[in-house]
């Protein structure tokens, strides 16, 4: 999704964009094509037994589905007739070896990373995480690499910046009347259901409204519908929404995953309770908690025990005001234009 946001801005400024993805379960190829972009869909990997979900360190190399050499070869074939000026790489399993294999076939390489855990060979590097500093990549990228570091460069769709002033202004005297719940489009572990059960056992007043967002292919969607119907307050379940910025603007509090949507909520000054769903989300979540923009539940199994007391704490308007101000100071939503401006400057300087 963040690459689509970047592609939209590049296209707006006159560039042509082409996507290369692999045919993994849940890929966004149809979304890419529906938005008018060309897509090379690499063949699906041979099926293997699914890994059991665990909080142990993640082996990101398995996310690629094939050996990096095979992926590099297939990518080279996909771009053989394109001669791209810029190749944007956004995958935790790819590093300097893959990038070196592609370097002679493209003008420049830009890497999007969140982890700072492996070396890169690139001209530009984006890490939009709060708390990240340029020196984290001193030993991982070339000295001449332009590093775009921090959430000021967060890749947000333009509707978030457009609603920023309105959203922030309505939080001057906040009360929790409407809660937005979004734990990812798939939510395989049904954390949404755990949140709803916890809310049902909380001391929330009966006039609260819940805006629950799910994906059409979420395996526990029917269960979420049932849980929502049992709650003592109004709870609406919406599927595949296209107006997330508007919903965030209308919400007084968000209960959500500690991923890229954190920057969307921050742009709109929306106080948040973050549930860490994977190991790679922990650093960003802790940084948001440190600056006072969010409260963090460190793993889904703690939702039931932690969420009611957090909600009690956030029932005080002064706490919500402080969280909103802290969140709004993180990013203004203009990261994509800033990145494209840097890309164009780098091209002129080459």
Protein backbone atom coordinates (compact mmCIF):
# COMPACT_ATOMS: atom_id res chain seq x y z
CA UNK A 1 0.00 0.00 0.00
CA UNK A 2 2.82 2.43 0.74
CA UNK A 3 4.34 1.69 -2.66
CA UNK A 4 0.97 2.49 -4.26
CA UNK A 5 1.00 5.83 -2.45
CA UNK A 6 4.49 6.54 -3.76
CA UNK A 7 3.47 5.47 -7.27
CA UNK A 8 0.44 7.77 -7.18
CA UNK A 9 2.65 10.76 -6.33
CA UNK A 10 5.25 9.81 -8.95
CA UNK A 11 2.49 9.46 -11.55
CA UNK A 12 1.02 12.81 -10.51
CA UNK A 13 4.40 14.37 -11.24
CA UNK A 14 4.68 12.80 -14.69
CA UNK A 15 6.48 9.50 -14.12
CA UNK A 16 5.40 6.03 -15.28
CA UNK A 17 5.31 3.25 -12.69
CA UNK A 18 5.31 -0.53 -13.07
CA UNK A 19 4.86 -3.05 -10.26
CA UNK A 20 6.53 -6.43 -9.75
CA UNK A 21 4.98 -8.72 -7.13
CA UNK A 22 4.86 -12.44 -6.46
CA UNK A 23 1.71 -14.53 -6.53
CA UNK A 24 1.52 -15.04 -2.75
CA UNK A 25 -1.80 -15.66 -1.05
CA UNK A 26 -3.39 -12.26 -0.42
CA UNK A 27 -1.30 -10.32 -2.94
CA UNK A 28 -2.70 -6.95 -4.06
CA UNK A 29 -2.35 -7.46 -7.80
CA UNK A 30 -6.00 -6.66 -8.51
CA UNK A 31 -5.75 -3.44 -6.49
CA UNK A 32 -2.65 -2.40 -8.42
CA UNK A 33 -4.30 -3.07 -11.79
CA UNK A 34 -7.55 -1.37 -10.74
CA UNK A 35 -5.55 1.77 -10.00
CA UNK A 36 -4.26 1.74 -13.58
CA UNK A 37 -0.73 0.39 -13.08
CA UNK A 38 1.00 -2.33 -15.05
CA UNK A 39 1.92 -5.44 -13.07
CA UNK A 40 4.36 -8.29 -13.54
CA UNK A 41 3.14 -11.09 -11.25
CA UNK A 42 5.91 -13.59 -10.60
CA UNK A 43 4.84 -17.22 -10.30
CA UNK A 44 3.65 -18.56 -6.96
CA UNK A 45 6.23 -20.42 -4.87
CA UNK A 46 5.86 -24.14 -4.24
CA UNK A 47 3.53 -24.57 -1.28
CA UNK A 48 5.11 -25.46 2.06
CA UNK A 49 3.64 -26.19 5.45
CA UNK A 50 2.53 -22.94 7.11
CA UNK A 51 4.70 -21.70 9.94
CA UNK A 52 3.14 -21.64 13.35
CA UNK A 53 2.73 -18.05 14.55
CA UNK A 54 5.23 -17.22 17.25
CA UNK A 55 6.78 -14.25 18.98
CA UNK A 56 10.26 -15.63 18.30
CA UNK A 57 12.47 -13.61 15.92
CA UNK A 58 11.03 -13.74 12.41
CA UNK A 59 12.92 -15.39 9.54
CA UNK A 60 12.09 -12.77 6.92
CA UNK A 61 13.93 -14.67 4.19
CA UNK A 62 11.08 -17.19 4.12
CA UNK A 63 8.65 -14.42 3.18
CA UNK A 64 10.20 -14.28 -0.30
CA UNK A 65 8.99 -17.80 -1.12
CA UNK A 66 11.94 -18.61 -3.38
CA UNK A 67 15.75 -18.26 -3.13
CA UNK A 68 16.86 -14.66 -3.63
CA UNK A 69 18.86 -15.68 -6.72
CA UNK A 70 15.70 -17.01 -8.38
CA UNK A 71 13.77 -13.90 -7.43
CA UNK A 72 16.51 -11.65 -8.82
CA UNK A 73 16.60 -13.60 -12.09
CA UNK A 74 12.81 -13.41 -12.50
CA UNK A 75 12.82 -9.70 -11.68
CA UNK A 76 15.53 -9.08 -14.28
CA UNK A 77 13.38 -10.85 -16.86
CA UNK A 78 10.37 -8.74 -15.86
CA UNK A 79 12.23 -5.45 -16.37
CA UNK A 80 14.26 -6.50 -19.40
CA UNK A 81 12.22 -4.30 -21.76
CA UNK A 82 11.59 -1.44 -19.33
CA UNK A 83 15.03 0.11 -18.66
CA UNK A 84 13.77 1.78 -15.46
CA UNK A 85 15.43 4.92 -14.14
CA UNK A 86 14.55 3.90 -10.57
CA UNK A 87 13.85 0.53 -8.93
CA UNK A 88 12.05 0.77 -5.58
CA UNK A 89 12.63 -2.30 -3.40
CA UNK A 90 10.26 -2.94 -0.51
CA UNK A 91 10.79 -6.40 0.98
CA UNK A 92 12.32 -7.51 4.28
CA UNK A 93 13.95 -10.55 2.65
CA UNK A 94 16.00 -8.58 0.11
CA UNK A 95 19.43 -7.08 0.76
CA UNK A 96 22.71 -6.07 -0.86
CA UNK A 97 23.10 -9.37 -2.76
CA UNK A 98 19.78 -9.01 -4.58
CA UNK A 99 20.34 -5.29 -5.14
CA UNK A 100 23.79 -5.88 -6.65
CA UNK A 101 22.28 -8.45 -9.00
CA UNK A 102 19.83 -5.82 -10.33
CA UNK A 103 22.07 -2.74 -10.23
CA UNK A 104 23.33 -2.87 -13.83
CA UNK A 105 19.79 -3.14 -15.22
CA UNK A 106 18.41 0.03 -13.60
CA UNK A 107 19.39 3.65 -13.19
CA UNK A 108 19.21 3.87 -9.41
CA UNK A 109 17.89 1.72 -6.57
CA UNK A 110 15.75 3.02 -3.72
CA UNK A 111 15.16 0.79 -0.68
CA UNK A 112 12.23 1.03 1.73
CA UNK A 113 13.17 -0.56 5.05
CA UNK A 114 11.87 -0.68 8.60
CA UNK A 115 14.34 -2.98 10.29
CA UNK A 116 17.90 -1.65 9.85
CA UNK A 117 19.12 -5.23 10.16
CA UNK A 118 20.89 -5.94 6.84
CA UNK A 119 23.19 -4.20 4.33
CA UNK A 120 21.91 -2.43 1.20
CA UNK A 121 23.40 -1.17 -2.05
CA UNK A 122 21.21 1.78 -2.98
CA UNK A 123 21.19 5.46 -3.88
CA UNK A 124 18.20 6.32 -1.67
CA UNK A 125 16.88 4.69 1.49
CA UNK A 126 13.57 5.35 3.25
CA UNK A 127 12.85 4.30 6.83
CA UNK A 128 9.77 6.12 8.10
CA UNK A 129 9.88 4.77 11.66
CA UNK A 130 9.69 7.06 14.66
CA UNK A 131 12.87 6.80 16.70
CA UNK A 132 15.01 5.75 13.76
CA UNK A 133 18.11 7.87 13.08
CA UNK A 134 20.34 8.10 10.04
CA UNK A 135 23.32 6.62 11.87
CA UNK A 136 21.41 3.33 12.23
CA UNK A 137 22.35 2.78 8.57
CA UNK A 138 25.99 3.92 8.76
CA UNK A 139 27.26 0.34 8.42
CA UNK A 140 24.36 -0.83 6.25
CA UNK A 141 24.31 1.56 3.26
CA UNK A 142 26.84 3.43 1.10
CA UNK A 143 28.17 6.73 2.42
CA UNK A 144 26.72 8.61 -0.56
CA UNK A 145 23.25 7.10 -0.08
CA UNK A 146 20.51 9.70 0.56
CA UNK A 147 18.70 8.60 3.71
CA UNK A 148 15.11 9.67 4.26
CA UNK A 149 14.59 8.89 7.92
CA UNK A 150 11.59 9.29 10.20
CA UNK A 151 7.80 9.71 9.93
CA UNK A 152 8.09 13.14 8.29
CA UNK A 153 8.60 10.96 5.19
CA UNK A 154 5.69 8.61 5.95
CA UNK A 155 3.96 7.53 2.75
CA UNK A 156 0.36 8.62 3.34
CA UNK A 157 -2.40 9.08 0.80
CA UNK A 158 -3.24 12.78 0.22
CA UNK A 159 -6.66 12.57 1.90
CA UNK A 160 -4.95 12.37 5.30
CA UNK A 161 -3.17 15.71 4.87
CA UNK A 162 -6.40 17.16 3.46
CA UNK A 163 -8.35 16.27 6.64
CA UNK A 164 -5.54 17.05 9.10
CA UNK A 165 -6.67 20.55 10.16
CA UNK A 166 -10.31 19.50 10.56
CA UNK A 167 -9.39 16.40 12.55
CA UNK A 168 -7.04 18.21 14.92
CA UNK A 169 -9.46 21.10 15.53
CA UNK A 170 -12.28 18.83 16.68
CA UNK A 171 -10.10 17.38 19.46
CA UNK A 172 -9.84 20.53 21.60
CA UNK A 173 -12.41 19.27 24.12
CA UNK A 174 -12.39 15.52 23.54
CA UNK A 175 -14.61 12.80 24.94
CA UNK A 176 -14.63 9.19 23.86
CA UNK A 177 -17.87 8.85 21.95
CA UNK A 178 -16.68 6.97 18.85
CA UNK A 179 -13.95 4.30 18.74
CA UNK A 180 -12.38 3.11 15.49
CA UNK A 181 -11.22 -0.52 15.57
CA UNK A 182 -8.93 -1.75 12.78
CA UNK A 183 -6.55 -4.67 13.34
CA UNK A 184 -5.59 -5.27 9.72
CA UNK A 185 -7.61 -6.45 6.76
CA UNK A 186 -7.03 -10.16 7.37
CA UNK A 187 -6.56 -10.42 11.16
CA UNK A 188 -5.85 -14.16 11.08
CA UNK A 189 -5.65 -14.40 14.88
CA UNK A 190 -9.00 -12.61 15.36
CA UNK A 191 -7.57 -9.91 17.59
CA UNK A 192 -10.63 -7.86 16.64
CA UNK A 193 -12.82 -10.42 18.39
CA UNK A 194 -10.63 -10.27 21.50
CA UNK A 195 -10.93 -6.47 21.51
CA UNK A 196 -14.72 -6.64 21.27
CA UNK A 197 -14.93 -9.11 24.15
CA UNK A 198 -12.71 -6.85 26.26
CA UNK A 199 -14.84 -3.81 25.40
CA UNK A 200 -17.95 -5.73 26.41
CA UNK A 201 -16.43 -6.23 29.87
CA UNK A 202 -15.25 -2.63 30.20
CA UNK A 203 -16.94 0.31 31.91
CA UNK A 204 -17.64 2.16 28.63
CA UNK A 205 -20.97 4.03 28.66
CA UNK A 206 -23.78 2.57 26.55
CA UNK A 207 -23.84 5.58 24.19
CA UNK A 208 -20.40 4.71 22.79
CA UNK A 209 -20.23 3.89 19.07
CA UNK A 210 -17.78 1.36 17.63
CA UNK A 211 -16.64 1.63 14.00
CA UNK A 212 -15.13 -1.80 13.22
CA UNK A 213 -13.13 -2.20 10.00
CA UNK A 214 -12.43 -5.61 8.42
CA UNK A 215 -11.27 -7.02 5.10
CA UNK A 216 -13.62 -9.07 2.94
CA UNK A 217 -11.36 -12.13 3.22
CA UNK A 218 -10.80 -11.98 6.98
CA UNK A 219 -11.27 -15.59 8.16
CA UNK A 220 -13.09 -14.54 11.35
CA UNK A 221 -15.41 -11.96 9.78
CA UNK A 222 -18.61 -13.85 10.66
CA UNK A 223 -17.41 -14.27 14.24
CA UNK A 224 -16.75 -10.53 14.48
CA UNK A 225 -20.29 -9.82 13.25
CA UNK A 226 -21.64 -12.09 16.00
CA UNK A 227 -19.50 -10.50 18.73
CA UNK A 228 -20.50 -7.00 17.62
CA UNK A 229 -24.20 -7.91 17.81
CA UNK A 230 -23.80 -9.03 21.43
CA UNK A 231 -22.30 -5.74 22.66
CA UNK A 232 -24.37 -3.40 24.83
CA UNK A 233 -23.60 -0.41 22.60
CA UNK A 234 -23.84 0.41 18.90
CA UNK A 235 -21.22 -1.46 16.89
CA UNK A 236 -21.02 -1.30 13.09
CA UNK A 237 -18.83 -3.67 11.06
CA UNK A 238 -17.66 -2.30 7.68
CA UNK A 239 -15.74 -4.25 5.03
CA UNK A 240 -13.11 -2.97 2.57
CA UNK A 241 -13.73 0.69 3.34
CA UNK A 242 -12.42 3.40 1.00
CA UNK A 243 -12.79 6.33 3.40
CA UNK A 244 -10.39 5.50 6.23
CA UNK A 245 -9.16 9.09 6.57
CA UNK A 246 -12.73 10.31 7.12
CA UNK A 247 -13.40 7.56 9.66
CA UNK A 248 -10.21 8.43 11.56
CA UNK A 249 -11.20 12.09 11.51
CA UNK A 250 -14.58 11.25 13.09
CA UNK A 251 -13.14 8.89 15.72
CA UNK A 252 -12.18 9.99 19.23
CA UNK A 253 -9.95 6.97 19.84
CA UNK A 254 -8.45 4.23 17.72
CA UNK A 255 -7.71 0.65 18.71
CA UNK A 256 -5.46 -0.64 15.98
CA UNK A 257 -2.45 -2.55 14.82
CA UNK A 258 0.97 -1.04 15.43
CA UNK A 259 1.92 -0.91 11.75
CA UNK A 260 1.96 1.65 8.95
CA UNK A 261 -1.50 2.99 9.85
CA UNK A 262 0.14 4.50 12.94
CA UNK A 263 1.34 7.37 10.74
CA UNK A 264 -2.15 7.89 9.31
CA UNK A 265 -3.54 8.22 12.83
CA UNK A 266 -0.69 10.50 13.82
CA UNK A 267 -1.29 12.85 10.88
CA UNK A 268 -4.89 13.29 12.07
CA UNK A 269 -3.96 13.65 15.75
CA UNK A 270 -5.98 10.55 16.64
CA UNK A 271 -5.13 9.07 20.09
CA UNK A 272 -4.48 5.35 19.81
CA UNK A 273 -4.29 2.09 21.66
CA UNK A 274 -1.84 -0.03 19.67
CA UNK A 275 -1.81 -3.83 19.69
CA UNK A 276 1.56 -5.24 18.59
CA UNK A 277 0.78 -8.07 16.17
CA UNK A 278 4.31 -8.96 15.05
CA UNK A 279 7.88 -8.57 16.24
CA UNK A 280 8.76 -5.96 13.61
CA UNK A 281 6.05 -3.60 14.98
CA UNK A 282 7.48 -3.41 18.50
CA UNK A 283 10.11 -0.69 17.98
CA UNK A 284 7.69 1.75 16.35
CA UNK A 285 5.00 1.06 18.95
CA UNK A 286 7.37 1.72 21.84
CA UNK A 287 8.51 4.97 20.23
CA UNK A 288 4.89 6.16 19.90
CA UNK A 289 4.30 5.29 23.54
CA UNK A 290 7.46 7.14 24.59
CA UNK A 291 6.35 10.41 22.98
CA UNK A 292 2.86 10.05 24.45
CA UNK A 293 0.96 9.51 21.18
CA UNK A 294 -0.33 6.04 22.00
CA UNK A 295 -0.74 3.37 24.64
CA UNK A 296 0.65 -0.05 23.76
CA UNK A 297 -0.59 -3.59 24.36
CA UNK A 298 2.53 -5.62 23.69
CA UNK A 299 0.80 -8.76 22.42
CA UNK A 300 -2.73 -9.87 21.57
CA UNK A 301 -3.01 -12.23 24.54
CA UNK A 302 -2.85 -9.18 26.85
CA UNK A 303 -5.83 -7.38 25.28
CA UNK A 304 -8.37 -8.75 27.75
CA UNK A 305 -6.33 -7.80 30.83
CA UNK A 306 -4.92 -4.44 29.67
CA UNK A 307 -7.56 -2.77 27.51
CA UNK A 308 -10.23 -1.99 30.18
CA UNK A 309 -7.75 -0.20 32.45
CA UNK A 310 -6.28 1.74 29.51
CA UNK A 311 -9.75 2.91 28.53
CA UNK A 312 -10.40 4.02 32.10
CA UNK A 313 -7.19 6.07 31.99
CA UNK A 314 -8.16 7.63 28.65
CA UNK A 315 -11.62 8.64 29.85
CA UNK A 316 -10.00 11.84 31.16
CA UNK A 317 -10.04 14.56 28.49
CA UNK A 318 -6.66 15.99 29.52
CA UNK A 319 -5.02 12.66 28.68
CA UNK A 320 -6.66 12.60 25.25
CA UNK A 321 -5.61 16.19 24.54
CA UNK A 322 -1.98 15.39 25.33
CA UNK A 323 -2.05 12.25 23.17
CA UNK A 324 -3.60 14.11 20.26
CA UNK A 325 -0.98 16.88 20.37
CA UNK A 326 1.83 14.33 20.59
CA UNK A 327 0.45 12.35 17.65
CA UNK A 328 -0.11 15.41 15.45
CA UNK A 329 3.50 16.49 15.95
CA UNK A 330 4.86 13.29 14.40
CA UNK A 331 3.96 13.80 10.72
CA UNK A 332 2.01 16.30 8.63
CA UNK A 333 1.07 13.82 5.90
CA UNK A 334 3.23 15.34 3.15
CA UNK A 335 5.86 12.58 3.09
CA UNK A 336 5.14 11.36 -0.46
CA UNK A 337 5.69 14.75 -2.16
CA UNK A 338 8.88 15.24 -0.12
CA UNK A 339 10.21 11.85 -1.21
CA UNK A 340 9.42 12.43 -4.87
CA UNK A 341 11.10 15.85 -4.70
CA UNK A 342 14.23 14.13 -3.34
CA UNK A 343 14.07 11.48 -6.08
CA UNK A 344 13.83 14.16 -8.79
CA UNK A 345 16.75 16.08 -7.24
CA UNK A 346 18.83 12.90 -7.17
CA UNK A 347 18.01 12.23 -10.84
CA UNK A 348 19.07 15.75 -11.85
CA UNK A 349 22.32 15.32 -9.94
CA UNK A 350 23.21 12.02 -11.59
